[in-house]
Amino acid sequence: MALGWKLVIDSANAPVIADFWAAALEYEVEDPTPLIERLLAAGHLGAEAVVEHRGRKNFRGYAAVRHPDDPFDPTSGVGHGRRLLFQDVPEGKSGKNRLHIDVHSEPDGLERLVARLEGLGATRVREYDQGPAGHWWQMRDPEGNEVCAS
């Protein structure tokens, strides 16, 4: 049986980078507000453990995005499918990522995809043209993580 998984990505500002990736992938930002409000009301969570971002409550240092077609728990907002979880860490990015996300365009849509990612805050780094094997861009997300657009 296949195992469930999520990709956890270290970040400097989890809610902001989650917004970028939700827009880039056309995913949804998870909303744990109902869960957090219940935990606060029951005294199981202190106010210092919560931040508000764009009208939603988040656990401080965490934010996640999920595929809009995948199931999720309506009580917690947590997705049960394709999901990225961003967690703030104290140290900054120090080298090349050993893992990165490739974003694929529709046929003949690479330039539109790259322009859309730039509009969201990504930057172009290097263009690759591998002839019949394809054309793609190495980019960086707003926190400097590598992303490829093809």
N, C-alpha and C. Protein backbone atom coordinates (compact mmCIF):
# COMPACT_ATOMS: atom_id res chain seq x y z
N MET A 1 0.84 -1.17 0.00
CA MET A 1 0.00 0.00 0.00
C MET A 1 0.89 1.25 0.00
N ALA A 2 0.59 2.21 -0.83
CA ALA A 2 1.35 3.46 -0.88
C ALA A 2 1.12 4.25 0.40
N LEU A 3 2.14 4.96 0.82
CA LEU A 3 2.05 5.77 2.03
C LEU A 3 1.66 7.20 1.70
N GLY A 4 0.97 7.84 2.63
CA GLY A 4 0.68 9.26 2.51
C GLY A 4 1.93 10.07 2.84
N TRP A 5 2.03 11.27 2.28
CA TRP A 5 3.19 12.11 2.53
C TRP A 5 2.82 13.57 2.33
N LYS A 6 3.68 14.44 2.80
CA LYS A 6 3.62 15.87 2.50
C LYS A 6 5.06 16.32 2.36
N LEU A 7 5.29 17.35 1.60
CA LEU A 7 6.62 17.91 1.47
C LEU A 7 6.73 19.07 2.46
N VAL A 8 7.71 19.01 3.36
CA VAL A 8 7.92 20.05 4.35
C VAL A 8 9.10 20.91 3.88
N ILE A 9 8.88 22.22 3.84
CA ILE A 9 9.87 23.14 3.30
C ILE A 9 10.21 24.17 4.37
N ASP A 10 11.50 24.28 4.70
CA ASP A 10 11.95 25.30 5.65
C ASP A 10 11.72 26.67 5.04
N SER A 11 11.37 27.63 5.89
CA SER A 11 11.03 28.97 5.40
C SER A 11 11.44 30.04 6.40
N ALA A 12 11.40 31.27 5.91
CA ALA A 12 11.65 32.42 6.77
C ALA A 12 10.33 33.06 7.20
N ASN A 13 9.30 32.96 6.36
CA ASN A 13 7.99 33.53 6.66
C ASN A 13 6.93 32.61 6.05
N ALA A 14 6.53 31.60 6.80
CA ALA A 14 5.67 30.54 6.28
C ALA A 14 4.39 31.05 5.62
N PRO A 15 3.63 31.95 6.24
CA PRO A 15 2.38 32.38 5.59
C PRO A 15 2.62 33.08 4.24
N VAL A 16 3.67 33.86 4.15
CA VAL A 16 3.94 34.59 2.91
C VAL A 16 4.39 33.65 1.80
N ILE A 17 5.29 32.73 2.10
CA ILE A 17 5.76 31.80 1.06
C ILE A 17 4.65 30.80 0.71
N ALA A 18 3.77 30.47 1.64
CA ALA A 18 2.62 29.63 1.32
C ALA A 18 1.70 30.34 0.33
N ASP A 19 1.51 31.64 0.51
CA ASP A 19 0.71 32.41 -0.46
C ASP A 19 1.31 32.33 -1.85
N PHE A 20 2.65 32.48 -1.94
CA PHE A 20 3.31 32.39 -3.24
C PHE A 20 3.05 31.04 -3.89
N TRP A 21 3.31 29.95 -3.15
CA TRP A 21 3.19 28.62 -3.73
C TRP A 21 1.74 28.25 -4.03
N ALA A 22 0.80 28.72 -3.23
CA ALA A 22 -0.61 28.48 -3.54
C ALA A 22 -0.96 29.12 -4.88
N ALA A 23 -0.52 30.35 -5.07
CA ALA A 23 -0.79 31.04 -6.34
C ALA A 23 -0.03 30.39 -7.49
N ALA A 24 1.23 30.03 -7.26
CA ALA A 24 2.05 29.45 -8.32
C ALA A 24 1.48 28.12 -8.80
N LEU A 25 1.01 27.29 -7.89
CA LEU A 25 0.52 25.95 -8.23
C LEU A 25 -1.00 25.88 -8.40
N GLU A 26 -1.66 27.01 -8.13
CA GLU A 26 -3.12 27.07 -8.11
C GLU A 26 -3.68 26.09 -7.08
N TYR A 27 -3.03 26.06 -5.93
CA TYR A 27 -3.45 25.29 -4.77
C TYR A 27 -4.24 26.21 -3.84
N GLU A 28 -4.72 25.66 -2.74
CA GLU A 28 -5.43 26.44 -1.73
C GLU A 28 -4.59 26.52 -0.47
N VAL A 29 -4.56 27.69 0.14
CA VAL A 29 -3.91 27.83 1.44
C VAL A 29 -4.83 27.21 2.48
N GLU A 30 -4.29 26.33 3.30
CA GLU A 30 -5.11 25.70 4.34
C GLU A 30 -5.51 26.75 5.38
N ASP A 31 -6.71 26.59 5.90
CA ASP A 31 -7.23 27.51 6.91
C ASP A 31 -7.51 26.76 8.21
N PRO A 32 -6.55 26.79 9.15
CA PRO A 32 -6.77 26.11 10.44
C PRO A 32 -7.49 26.97 11.47
N THR A 33 -8.10 28.10 11.03
CA THR A 33 -8.75 29.02 11.96
C THR A 33 -9.74 28.32 12.90
N PRO A 34 -10.68 27.48 12.40
CA PRO A 34 -11.64 26.86 13.33
C PRO A 34 -10.95 26.00 14.40
N LEU A 35 -9.93 25.25 14.01
CA LEU A 35 -9.20 24.42 14.97
C LEU A 35 -8.49 25.29 15.99
N ILE A 36 -7.81 26.32 15.53
CA ILE A 36 -7.08 27.21 16.44
C ILE A 36 -8.03 27.89 17.41
N GLU A 37 -9.18 28.36 16.91
CA GLU A 37 -10.14 29.02 17.80
C GLU A 37 -10.65 28.07 18.88
N ARG A 38 -10.88 26.81 18.54
CA ARG A 38 -11.32 25.82 19.54
C ARG A 38 -10.22 25.57 20.56
N LEU A 39 -8.97 25.45 20.09
CA LEU A 39 -7.85 25.22 21.01
C LEU A 39 -7.63 26.41 21.94
N LEU A 40 -7.77 27.63 21.40
CA LEU A 40 -7.64 28.83 22.24
C LEU A 40 -8.76 28.88 23.28
N ALA A 41 -9.98 28.65 22.84
CA ALA A 41 -11.14 28.72 23.76
C ALA A 41 -11.04 27.68 24.87
N ALA A 42 -10.47 26.51 24.56
CA ALA A 42 -10.35 25.45 25.56
C ALA A 42 -9.12 25.62 26.44
N GLY A 43 -8.29 26.63 26.14
CA GLY A 43 -7.09 26.85 26.93
C GLY A 43 -5.95 25.89 26.59
N HIS A 44 -6.05 25.17 25.49
CA HIS A 44 -5.01 24.22 25.08
C HIS A 44 -3.91 24.88 24.26
N LEU A 45 -4.10 26.15 23.93
CA LEU A 45 -3.15 26.87 23.10
C LEU A 45 -3.12 28.31 23.56
N GLY A 46 -1.92 28.87 23.71
CA GLY A 46 -1.80 30.27 24.12
C GLY A 46 -1.78 31.20 22.92
N ALA A 47 -2.18 32.42 23.12
CA ALA A 47 -2.24 33.41 22.04
C ALA A 47 -0.88 33.62 21.39
N GLU A 48 0.21 33.41 22.14
CA GLU A 48 1.56 33.60 21.59
C GLU A 48 1.90 32.56 20.51
N ALA A 49 1.13 31.48 20.44
CA ALA A 49 1.38 30.42 19.46
C ALA A 49 0.63 30.64 18.15
N VAL A 50 -0.03 31.80 18.04
CA VAL A 50 -0.90 32.07 16.90
C VAL A 50 -0.51 33.38 16.23
N VAL A 51 -0.57 33.39 14.91
CA VAL A 51 -0.42 34.63 14.13
C VAL A 51 -1.62 34.73 13.21
N GLU A 52 -1.94 35.95 12.82
CA GLU A 52 -3.01 36.14 11.85
C GLU A 52 -2.39 36.63 10.56
N HIS A 53 -2.86 36.06 9.46
CA HIS A 53 -2.36 36.43 8.14
C HIS A 53 -3.53 36.40 7.17
N ARG A 54 -3.80 37.53 6.56
CA ARG A 54 -4.90 37.65 5.58
C ARG A 54 -6.23 37.17 6.14
N GLY A 55 -6.49 37.53 7.39
CA GLY A 55 -7.77 37.20 8.01
C GLY A 55 -7.89 35.77 8.53
N ARG A 56 -6.81 35.01 8.45
CA ARG A 56 -6.82 33.63 8.94
C ARG A 56 -5.86 33.49 10.11
N LYS A 57 -6.23 32.64 11.03
CA LYS A 57 -5.31 32.31 12.12
C LYS A 57 -4.43 31.16 11.67
N ASN A 58 -3.15 31.25 12.00
CA ASN A 58 -2.19 30.18 11.72
C ASN A 58 -1.42 29.87 12.98
N PHE A 59 -0.94 28.63 13.07
CA PHE A 59 0.01 28.31 14.11
C PHE A 59 1.29 29.07 13.77
N ARG A 60 1.85 29.76 14.75
CA ARG A 60 3.05 30.57 14.51
C ARG A 60 4.15 29.71 13.88
N GLY A 61 4.68 30.20 12.76
CA GLY A 61 5.79 29.52 12.10
C GLY A 61 5.40 28.43 11.13
N TYR A 62 4.09 28.27 10.89
CA TYR A 62 3.64 27.20 9.99
C TYR A 62 2.54 27.71 9.06
N ALA A 63 2.53 27.18 7.86
CA ALA A 63 1.44 27.41 6.91
C ALA A 63 1.52 26.30 5.87
N ALA A 64 0.38 25.93 5.32
CA ALA A 64 0.37 24.83 4.34
C ALA A 64 -0.56 25.16 3.19
N VAL A 65 -0.29 24.50 2.06
CA VAL A 65 -1.14 24.61 0.88
C VAL A 65 -1.48 23.19 0.43
N ARG A 66 -2.65 23.06 -0.21
CA ARG A 66 -3.09 21.74 -0.66
C ARG A 66 -3.76 21.85 -2.02
N HIS A 67 -3.73 20.73 -2.73
CA HIS A 67 -4.37 20.66 -4.05
C HIS A 67 -5.88 20.83 -3.85
N PRO A 68 -6.53 21.66 -4.67
CA PRO A 68 -7.95 21.93 -4.44
C PRO A 68 -8.88 20.74 -4.67
N ASP A 69 -8.42 19.72 -5.40
CA ASP A 69 -9.27 18.56 -5.66
C ASP A 69 -9.09 17.44 -4.65
N ASP A 70 -8.13 17.56 -3.77
CA ASP A 70 -7.85 16.49 -2.80
C ASP A 70 -8.72 16.66 -1.56
N PRO A 71 -9.02 15.56 -0.87
CA PRO A 71 -9.82 15.64 0.35
C PRO A 71 -9.07 16.37 1.46
N PHE A 72 -9.85 16.94 2.37
CA PHE A 72 -9.26 17.61 3.53
C PHE A 72 -10.21 17.48 4.71
N ASP A 73 -9.66 17.66 5.89
CA ASP A 73 -10.45 17.61 7.12
C ASP A 73 -11.07 18.99 7.33
N PRO A 74 -12.39 19.13 7.24
CA PRO A 74 -13.00 20.45 7.40
C PRO A 74 -12.86 21.02 8.81
N THR A 75 -12.59 20.16 9.78
CA THR A 75 -12.43 20.62 11.15
C THR A 75 -11.09 21.32 11.36
N SER A 76 -10.05 20.80 10.73
CA SER A 76 -8.71 21.36 10.93
C SER A 76 -8.20 22.11 9.70
N GLY A 77 -8.80 21.87 8.52
CA GLY A 77 -8.31 22.46 7.28
C GLY A 77 -7.16 21.70 6.66
N VAL A 78 -6.68 20.64 7.31
CA VAL A 78 -5.51 19.90 6.85
C VAL A 78 -5.87 19.00 5.68
N GLY A 79 -5.07 19.12 4.61
CA GLY A 79 -5.29 18.30 3.43
C GLY A 79 -4.84 16.87 3.63
N HIS A 80 -5.48 15.97 2.89
CA HIS A 80 -5.15 14.54 2.94
C HIS A 80 -4.59 14.06 1.61
N GLY A 81 -3.99 14.95 0.86
CA GLY A 81 -3.45 14.59 -0.44
C GLY A 81 -2.19 15.38 -0.72
N ARG A 82 -2.10 15.90 -1.93
CA ARG A 82 -0.92 16.66 -2.35
C ARG A 82 -0.85 17.95 -1.53
N ARG A 83 0.24 18.08 -0.75
CA ARG A 83 0.30 19.13 0.26
C ARG A 83 1.74 19.58 0.47
N LEU A 84 1.92 20.89 0.65
CA LEU A 84 3.21 21.46 1.02
C LEU A 84 3.04 22.15 2.36
N LEU A 85 3.91 21.83 3.31
CA LEU A 85 3.88 22.46 4.63
C LEU A 85 5.14 23.30 4.77
N PHE A 86 4.98 24.57 5.09
CA PHE A 86 6.11 25.48 5.28
C PHE A 86 6.29 25.68 6.78
N GLN A 87 7.55 25.56 7.22
CA GLN A 87 7.85 25.74 8.64
C GLN A 87 9.02 26.70 8.77
N ASP A 88 8.84 27.71 9.59
CA ASP A 88 9.90 28.70 9.80
C ASP A 88 11.05 28.07 10.58
N VAL A 89 12.26 28.39 10.15
CA VAL A 89 13.47 27.96 10.83
C VAL A 89 14.34 29.19 11.06
N PRO A 90 15.19 29.19 12.09
CA PRO A 90 15.98 30.39 12.40
C PRO A 90 17.10 30.67 11.40
N GLU A 91 17.65 29.62 10.80
CA GLU A 91 18.77 29.85 9.88
C GLU A 91 18.26 30.10 8.47
N GLY A 92 18.99 30.93 7.72
CA GLY A 92 18.64 31.22 6.35
C GLY A 92 19.13 30.13 5.41
N LYS A 93 18.72 30.23 4.18
CA LYS A 93 19.18 29.31 3.13
C LYS A 93 20.67 29.50 2.93
N SER A 94 21.42 28.41 2.88
CA SER A 94 22.88 28.54 2.84
C SER A 94 23.52 27.91 1.61
N GLY A 95 22.76 27.26 0.77
CA GLY A 95 23.32 26.62 -0.41
C GLY A 95 22.23 26.17 -1.35
N LYS A 96 22.63 25.39 -2.34
CA LYS A 96 21.68 24.89 -3.32
C LYS A 96 20.76 23.86 -2.65
N ASN A 97 19.47 23.96 -2.97
CA ASN A 97 18.52 22.97 -2.48
C ASN A 97 18.83 21.61 -3.11
N ARG A 98 18.69 20.55 -2.35
CA ARG A 98 18.85 19.20 -2.88
C ARG A 98 17.53 18.69 -3.46
N LEU A 99 16.47 19.42 -3.25
CA LEU A 99 15.14 19.07 -3.72
C LEU A 99 14.48 20.36 -4.16
N HIS A 100 13.79 20.35 -5.31
CA HIS A 100 13.08 21.55 -5.72
C HIS A 100 11.81 21.16 -6.46
N ILE A 101 10.95 22.12 -6.69
CA ILE A 101 9.68 21.89 -7.36
C ILE A 101 9.81 22.32 -8.82
N ASP A 102 9.34 21.47 -9.72
CA ASP A 102 9.23 21.80 -11.14
C ASP A 102 7.77 22.14 -11.40
N VAL A 103 7.53 23.26 -12.07
CA VAL A 103 6.19 23.67 -12.45
C VAL A 103 6.09 23.56 -13.96
N HIS A 104 5.11 22.80 -14.45
CA HIS A 104 4.98 22.56 -15.89
C HIS A 104 3.88 23.42 -16.48
N SER A 105 4.19 24.00 -17.64
CA SER A 105 3.21 24.83 -18.33
C SER A 105 2.36 23.98 -19.26
N GLU A 106 1.30 24.57 -19.71
CA GLU A 106 0.51 23.93 -20.77
C GLU A 106 1.32 24.04 -22.07
N PRO A 107 0.98 23.30 -23.11
CA PRO A 107 1.74 23.38 -24.36
C PRO A 107 1.85 24.83 -24.86
N ASP A 108 3.05 25.21 -25.23
CA ASP A 108 3.35 26.57 -25.73
C ASP A 108 3.04 27.66 -24.69
N GLY A 109 3.02 27.31 -23.41
CA GLY A 109 2.68 28.29 -22.39
C GLY A 109 3.82 28.65 -21.46
N LEU A 110 5.07 28.28 -21.81
CA LEU A 110 6.18 28.50 -20.90
C LEU A 110 6.38 29.98 -20.59
N GLU A 111 6.39 30.82 -21.58
CA GLU A 111 6.62 32.25 -21.32
C GLU A 111 5.51 32.85 -20.46
N ARG A 112 4.26 32.43 -20.66
CA ARG A 112 3.16 32.91 -19.81
C ARG A 112 3.36 32.43 -18.38
N LEU A 113 3.78 31.16 -18.22
CA LEU A 113 4.02 30.63 -16.88
C LEU A 113 5.14 31.39 -16.19
N VAL A 114 6.26 31.60 -16.88
CA VAL A 114 7.40 32.31 -16.29
C VAL A 114 7.00 33.73 -15.92
N ALA A 115 6.26 34.40 -16.78
CA ALA A 115 5.81 35.77 -16.48
C ALA A 115 4.87 35.77 -15.27
N ARG A 116 3.99 34.77 -15.17
CA ARG A 116 3.08 34.69 -14.02
C ARG A 116 3.85 34.47 -12.73
N LEU A 117 4.85 33.55 -12.77
CA LEU A 117 5.67 33.30 -11.58
C LEU A 117 6.45 34.55 -11.18
N GLU A 118 6.98 35.28 -12.18
CA GLU A 118 7.66 36.54 -11.87
C GLU A 118 6.71 37.55 -11.24
N GLY A 119 5.49 37.60 -11.73
CA GLY A 119 4.49 38.50 -11.16
C GLY A 119 4.16 38.17 -9.71
N LEU A 120 4.36 36.91 -9.34
CA LEU A 120 4.12 36.48 -7.95
C LEU A 120 5.34 36.68 -7.06
N GLY A 121 6.50 37.02 -7.66
CA GLY A 121 7.69 37.27 -6.85
C GLY A 121 8.88 36.39 -7.16
N ALA A 122 8.76 35.45 -8.10
CA ALA A 122 9.90 34.60 -8.48
C ALA A 122 10.84 35.39 -9.39
N THR A 123 12.07 34.93 -9.49
CA THR A 123 13.04 35.57 -10.39
C THR A 123 13.67 34.52 -11.30
N ARG A 124 13.95 34.95 -12.53
CA ARG A 124 14.63 34.07 -13.49
C ARG A 124 16.11 34.01 -13.14
N VAL A 125 16.71 32.83 -13.27
CA VAL A 125 18.13 32.65 -13.01
C VAL A 125 18.86 32.29 -14.30
N ARG A 126 18.37 31.24 -14.97
CA ARG A 126 19.07 30.75 -16.15
C ARG A 126 18.10 30.02 -17.07
N GLU A 127 18.27 30.24 -18.35
CA GLU A 127 17.45 29.57 -19.35
C GLU A 127 18.22 28.36 -19.90
N TYR A 128 17.50 27.26 -20.09
CA TYR A 128 18.08 26.04 -20.64
C TYR A 128 17.32 25.68 -21.91
N ASP A 129 18.06 25.37 -22.97
CA ASP A 129 17.46 24.90 -24.20
C ASP A 129 18.15 23.60 -24.57
N GLN A 130 17.43 22.51 -24.42
CA GLN A 130 18.01 21.20 -24.68
C GLN A 130 17.46 20.60 -25.97
N GLY A 131 17.21 21.47 -26.95
CA GLY A 131 16.74 21.01 -28.25
C GLY A 131 15.44 20.23 -28.12
N PRO A 132 15.38 19.04 -28.74
CA PRO A 132 14.15 18.25 -28.70
C PRO A 132 13.74 17.84 -27.28
N ALA A 133 14.70 17.81 -26.36
CA ALA A 133 14.39 17.41 -24.98
C ALA A 133 13.63 18.48 -24.22
N GLY A 134 13.63 19.71 -24.73
CA GLY A 134 12.82 20.75 -24.08
C GLY A 134 13.57 22.01 -23.74
N HIS A 135 12.78 22.98 -23.37
CA HIS A 135 13.23 24.32 -23.00
C HIS A 135 12.65 24.61 -21.62
N TRP A 136 13.45 25.16 -20.73
CA TRP A 136 12.96 25.45 -19.39
C TRP A 136 13.78 26.55 -18.75
N TRP A 137 13.25 27.09 -17.66
CA TRP A 137 13.90 28.15 -16.88
C TRP A 137 14.18 27.66 -15.47
N GLN A 138 15.39 27.94 -15.00
CA GLN A 138 15.68 27.80 -13.57
C GLN A 138 15.29 29.14 -12.96
N MET A 139 14.54 29.09 -11.87
CA MET A 139 14.06 30.31 -11.21
C MET A 139 14.30 30.17 -9.71
N ARG A 140 13.98 31.22 -8.98
CA ARG A 140 14.02 31.21 -7.51
C ARG A 140 12.69 31.76 -7.01
N ASP A 141 12.16 31.12 -5.97
CA ASP A 141 10.95 31.64 -5.35
C ASP A 141 11.33 32.86 -4.51
N PRO A 142 10.37 33.56 -3.90
CA PRO A 142 10.71 34.78 -3.15
C PRO A 142 11.69 34.59 -1.99
N GLU A 143 11.86 33.36 -1.50
CA GLU A 143 12.83 33.11 -0.43
C GLU A 143 14.14 32.55 -0.96
N GLY A 144 14.29 32.48 -2.29
CA GLY A 144 15.55 32.05 -2.88
C GLY A 144 15.65 30.56 -3.18
N ASN A 145 14.59 29.81 -2.95
CA ASN A 145 14.60 28.38 -3.26
C ASN A 145 14.48 28.16 -4.76
N GLU A 146 15.19 27.14 -5.23
CA GLU A 146 15.17 26.83 -6.65
C GLU A 146 13.80 26.30 -7.06
N VAL A 147 13.39 26.67 -8.26
CA VAL A 147 12.17 26.17 -8.89
C VAL A 147 12.45 26.16 -10.38
N CYS A 148 11.99 25.15 -11.06
CA CYS A 148 12.15 25.09 -12.52
C CYS A 148 10.80 25.22 -13.17
N ALA A 149 10.75 26.00 -14.24
CA ALA A 149 9.53 26.17 -15.03
C ALA A 149 9.80 25.59 -16.41
N SER A 150 8.94 24.67 -16.81
CA SER A 150 9.12 24.05 -18.12
C SER A 150 7.82 23.98 -18.87
